[in-house]
């Protein structure tokens, strides 16, 4: 009886997580000024941004961003983090995708488990929760 209850609970949790992912994909993701400054301070991340993307993130960091720049900066942060993850490729990327397929908690644990000095981990921490969740949602939408 307990196995049936746990099995049903797991199914509900997965359905809830999938619904939450759809909601997050349509919700507006933002990047705070502090997160933008930290993000730009990382040379590995900055290299993943185009000049226009860097300008949007800089405007957020300086507190002078328009609404469009604020949305663009968050999107640019997700893109830069994803590209950085791909650039480090191989096992890291494959393991991250596998963890993402396992759910938000598993993905977050995997990313938080990277060495503190790893460029992907540094960018991950700098990005903040909303961008992290948007990255997870983005990876799940690809596979």
C-alpha atoms as a PDB file:
ATOM      1  CA  UNK A   1       0.000   0.000   0.000  1.00  0.00           C
ATOM      2  CA  UNK A   2       2.843   2.420   0.833  1.00  0.00           C
ATOM      3  CA  UNK A   3       4.477   1.795  -2.550  1.00  0.00           C
ATOM      4  CA  UNK A   4       1.255   2.732  -4.309  1.00  0.00           C
ATOM      5  CA  UNK A   5       0.983   5.889  -2.255  1.00  0.00           C
ATOM      6  CA  UNK A   6       4.589   6.856  -2.948  1.00  0.00           C
ATOM      7  CA  UNK A   7       4.186   6.065  -6.623  1.00  0.00           C
ATOM      8  CA  UNK A   8       1.122   8.270  -6.909  1.00  0.00           C
ATOM      9  CA  UNK A   9       2.874  11.039  -4.983  1.00  0.00           C
ATOM     10  CA  UNK A  10       5.857  10.888  -7.294  1.00  0.00           C
ATOM     11  CA  UNK A  11       3.565  11.186 -10.315  1.00  0.00           C
ATOM     12  CA  UNK A  12       1.858  14.206  -8.794  1.00  0.00           C
ATOM     13  CA  UNK A  13       5.225  15.778  -7.998  1.00  0.00           C
ATOM     14  CA  UNK A  14       6.381  15.296 -11.590  1.00  0.00           C
ATOM     15  CA  UNK A  15       3.133  16.761 -12.935  1.00  0.00           C
ATOM     16  CA  UNK A  16       3.455  19.701 -10.567  1.00  0.00           C
ATOM     17  CA  UNK A  17       7.081  20.253 -11.598  1.00  0.00           C
ATOM     18  CA  UNK A  18       6.180  20.119 -15.303  1.00  0.00           C
ATOM     19  CA  UNK A  19       3.392  22.636 -14.752  1.00  0.00           C
ATOM     20  CA  UNK A  20       5.771  24.857 -12.791  1.00  0.00           C
ATOM     21  CA  UNK A  21       8.280  24.669 -15.667  1.00  0.00           C
ATOM     22  CA  UNK A  22       5.631  25.815 -18.150  1.00  0.00           C
ATOM     23  CA  UNK A  23       4.706  28.689 -15.850  1.00  0.00           C
ATOM     24  CA  UNK A  24       8.362  29.698 -15.443  1.00  0.00           C
ATOM     25  CA  UNK A  25       8.877  29.653 -19.191  1.00  0.00           C
ATOM     26  CA  UNK A  26       6.089  32.211 -19.643  1.00  0.00           C
ATOM     27  CA  UNK A  27       6.888  34.251 -16.526  1.00  0.00           C
ATOM     28  CA  UNK A  28       9.154  37.246 -16.756  1.00  0.00           C
ATOM     29  CA  UNK A  29      12.635  36.410 -15.495  1.00  0.00           C
ATOM     30  CA  UNK A  30      14.683  39.234 -14.039  1.00  0.00           C
ATOM     31  CA  UNK A  31      18.269  39.893 -13.102  1.00  0.00           C
ATOM     32  CA  UNK A  32      19.025  42.177 -10.151  1.00  0.00           C
ATOM     33  CA  UNK A  33      21.649  44.917 -10.360  1.00  0.00           C
ATOM     34  CA  UNK A  34      23.911  43.001  -7.978  1.00  0.00           C
ATOM     35  CA  UNK A  35      23.546  39.800 -10.002  1.00  0.00           C
ATOM     36  CA  UNK A  36      24.277  41.709 -13.222  1.00  0.00           C
ATOM     37  CA  UNK A  37      27.433  43.233 -11.718  1.00  0.00           C
ATOM     38  CA  UNK A  38      28.647  39.858 -10.488  1.00  0.00           C
ATOM     39  CA  UNK A  39      27.776  38.282 -13.819  1.00  0.00           C
ATOM     40  CA  UNK A  40      29.777  40.904 -15.739  1.00  0.00           C
ATOM     41  CA  UNK A  41      32.744  40.523 -13.384  1.00  0.00           C
ATOM     42  CA  UNK A  42      33.230  36.952 -14.619  1.00  0.00           C
ATOM     43  CA  UNK A  43      35.426  37.069 -17.776  1.00  0.00           C
ATOM     44  CA  UNK A  44      34.194  33.640 -18.918  1.00  0.00           C
ATOM     45  CA  UNK A  45      30.596  34.841 -18.873  1.00  0.00           C
ATOM     46  CA  UNK A  46      31.357  38.219 -20.375  1.00  0.00           C
ATOM     47  CA  UNK A  47      32.992  36.431 -23.324  1.00  0.00           C
ATOM     48  CA  UNK A  48      29.658  34.693 -24.018  1.00  0.00           C
ATOM     49  CA  UNK A  49      27.757  37.988 -24.363  1.00  0.00           C
ATOM     50  CA  UNK A  50      27.480  39.971 -27.586  1.00  0.00           C
ATOM     51  CA  UNK A  51      28.111  43.718 -27.374  1.00  0.00           C
ATOM     52  CA  UNK A  52      24.354  44.443 -27.301  1.00  0.00           C
ATOM     53  CA  UNK A  53      23.749  41.794 -24.629  1.00  0.00           C
ATOM     54  CA  UNK A  54      26.592  43.132 -22.512  1.00  0.00           C
ATOM     55  CA  UNK A  55      25.134  46.631 -22.879  1.00  0.00           C
ATOM     56  CA  UNK A  56      21.743  45.424 -21.550  1.00  0.00           C
ATOM     57  CA  UNK A  57      23.351  43.620 -18.617  1.00  0.00           C
ATOM     58  CA  UNK A  58      25.517  46.701 -17.906  1.00  0.00           C
ATOM     59  CA  UNK A  59      22.379  48.913 -17.897  1.00  0.00           C
ATOM     60  CA  UNK A  60      20.792  46.600 -15.313  1.00  0.00           C
ATOM     61  CA  UNK A  61      24.003  46.629 -13.268  1.00  0.00           C
ATOM     62  CA  UNK A  62      24.035  50.430 -13.316  1.00  0.00           C
ATOM     63  CA  UNK A  63      20.318  50.659 -12.442  1.00  0.00           C
ATOM     64  CA  UNK A  64      19.514  52.483 -15.684  1.00  0.00           C
ATOM     65  CA  UNK A  65      17.824  49.710 -17.662  1.00  0.00           C
ATOM     66  CA  UNK A  66      14.583  50.114 -19.541  1.00  0.00           C
ATOM     67  CA  UNK A  67      11.968  47.385 -19.191  1.00  0.00           C
ATOM     68  CA  UNK A  68      13.111  45.874 -22.500  1.00  0.00           C
ATOM     69  CA  UNK A  69      16.749  45.923 -21.393  1.00  0.00           C
ATOM     70  CA  UNK A  70      15.816  44.250 -18.107  1.00  0.00           C
ATOM     71  CA  UNK A  71      14.059  41.404 -19.943  1.00  0.00           C
ATOM     72  CA  UNK A  72      16.884  41.188 -22.453  1.00  0.00           C
ATOM     73  CA  UNK A  73      19.533  41.057 -19.730  1.00  0.00           C
ATOM     74  CA  UNK A  74      17.886  38.086 -18.035  1.00  0.00           C
ATOM     75  CA  UNK A  75      17.522  36.300 -21.349  1.00  0.00           C
ATOM     76  CA  UNK A  76      21.152  37.075 -22.170  1.00  0.00           C
ATOM     77  CA  UNK A  77      22.221  35.686 -18.789  1.00  0.00           C
ATOM     78  CA  UNK A  78      20.406  32.397 -19.476  1.00  0.00           C
ATOM     79  CA  UNK A  79      21.941  32.210 -22.953  1.00  0.00           C
ATOM     80  CA  UNK A  80      25.442  33.004 -21.672  1.00  0.00           C
ATOM     81  CA  UNK A  81      25.175  30.428 -18.913  1.00  0.00           C
ATOM     82  CA  UNK A  82      23.936  27.792 -21.356  1.00  0.00           C
ATOM     83  CA  UNK A  83      26.716  28.603 -23.857  1.00  0.00           C
ATOM     84  CA  UNK A  84      29.314  28.450 -21.095  1.00  0.00           C
ATOM     85  CA  UNK A  85      27.960  25.060 -20.071  1.00  0.00           C
ATOM     86  CA  UNK A  86      28.194  23.860 -23.684  1.00  0.00           C
ATOM     87  CA  UNK A  87      31.681  25.332 -24.106  1.00  0.00           C
ATOM     88  CA  UNK A  88      32.920  23.222 -21.199  1.00  0.00           C
ATOM     89  CA  UNK A  89      31.085  20.420 -22.972  1.00  0.00           C
ATOM     90  CA  UNK A  90      31.610  16.720 -22.900  1.00  0.00           C
ATOM     91  CA  UNK A  91      30.835  15.006 -19.631  1.00  0.00           C
ATOM     92  CA  UNK A  92      29.926  18.243 -17.831  1.00  0.00           C
ATOM     93  CA  UNK A  93      27.282  19.149 -20.409  1.00  0.00           C
ATOM     94  CA  UNK A  94      25.954  15.584 -20.685  1.00  0.00           C
ATOM     95  CA  UNK A  95      25.719  15.243 -16.902  1.00  0.00           C
ATOM     96  CA  UNK A  96      23.981  18.622 -16.620  1.00  0.00           C
ATOM     97  CA  UNK A  97      21.397  17.619 -19.237  1.00  0.00           C
ATOM     98  CA  UNK A  98      20.864  14.287 -17.497  1.00  0.00           C
ATOM     99  CA  UNK A  99      20.398  16.060 -14.163  1.00  0.00           C
ATOM    100  CA  UNK A 100      18.002  18.562 -15.756  1.00  0.00           C
ATOM    101  CA  UNK A 101      15.865  15.717 -17.052  1.00  0.00           C
ATOM    102  CA  UNK A 102      15.720  14.422 -13.466  1.00  0.00           C
ATOM    103  CA  UNK A 103      14.000  17.586 -12.268  1.00  0.00           C
ATOM    104  CA  UNK A 104      14.779  20.992 -10.889  1.00  0.00           C
ATOM    105  CA  UNK A 105      16.105  19.697  -7.563  1.00  0.00           C
ATOM    106  CA  UNK A 106      18.475  17.250  -9.198  1.00  0.00           C
ATOM    107  CA  UNK A 107      19.725  19.871 -11.647  1.00  0.00           C
ATOM    108  CA  UNK A 108      20.262  22.449  -8.909  1.00  0.00           C
ATOM    109  CA  UNK A 109      22.138  19.895  -6.798  1.00  0.00           C
ATOM    110  CA  UNK A 110      24.338  18.959  -9.746  1.00  0.00           C
ATOM    111  CA  UNK A 111      25.211  22.581 -10.545  1.00  0.00           C
ATOM    112  CA  UNK A 112      25.790  23.439  -6.882  1.00  0.00           C
ATOM    113  CA  UNK A 113      28.023  20.365  -6.634  1.00  0.00           C
ATOM    114  CA  UNK A 114      30.523  21.655  -9.190  1.00  0.00           C
ATOM    115  CA  UNK A 115      33.850  22.773  -7.767  1.00  0.00           C
ATOM    116  CA  UNK A 116      33.605  26.280  -6.303  1.00  0.00           C
ATOM    117  CA  UNK A 117      36.291  27.537  -8.703  1.00  0.00           C
ATOM    118  CA  UNK A 118      34.719  26.102 -11.873  1.00  0.00           C
ATOM    119  CA  UNK A 119      33.728  28.901 -14.310  1.00  0.00           C
ATOM    120  CA  UNK A 120      30.272  27.360 -14.821  1.00  0.00           C
ATOM    121  CA  UNK A 121      29.682  27.193 -11.055  1.00  0.00           C
ATOM    122  CA  UNK A 122      30.818  30.796 -10.598  1.00  0.00           C
ATOM    123  CA  UNK A 123      28.431  31.956 -13.339  1.00  0.00           C
ATOM    124  CA  UNK A 124      25.656  29.754 -11.913  1.00  0.00           C
ATOM    125  CA  UNK A 125      25.919  31.362  -8.489  1.00  0.00           C
ATOM    126  CA  UNK A 126      26.161  34.873  -9.956  1.00  0.00           C
ATOM    127  CA  UNK A 127      23.034  34.381 -12.053  1.00  0.00           C
ATOM    128  CA  UNK A 128      20.620  33.995  -9.161  1.00  0.00           C
ATOM    129  CA  UNK A 129      17.578  31.789  -8.695  1.00  0.00           C
ATOM    130  CA  UNK A 130      15.307  33.067 -11.463  1.00  0.00           C
ATOM    131  CA  UNK A 131      17.961  32.753 -14.152  1.00  0.00           C
ATOM    132  CA  UNK A 132      19.013  29.361 -12.789  1.00  0.00           C
ATOM    133  CA  UNK A 133      15.436  28.104 -13.005  1.00  0.00           C
ATOM    134  CA  UNK A 134      15.046  29.585 -16.490  1.00  0.00           C
ATOM    135  CA  UNK A 135      18.210  27.730 -17.564  1.00  0.00           C
ATOM    136  CA  UNK A 136      16.761  24.469 -16.254  1.00  0.00           C
ATOM    137  CA  UNK A 137      13.495  25.164 -18.103  1.00  0.00           C
ATOM    138  CA  UNK A 138      15.397  25.997 -21.288  1.00  0.00           C
ATOM    139  CA  UNK A 139      17.456  22.808 -21.188  1.00  0.00           C
ATOM    140  CA  UNK A 140      14.291  20.764 -20.627  1.00  0.00           C
ATOM    141  CA  UNK A 141      12.617  22.443 -23.598  1.00  0.00           C
ATOM    142  CA  UNK A 142      15.489  21.288 -25.834  1.00  0.00           C
ATOM    143  CA  UNK A 143      15.237  17.612 -24.998  1.00  0.00           C
END
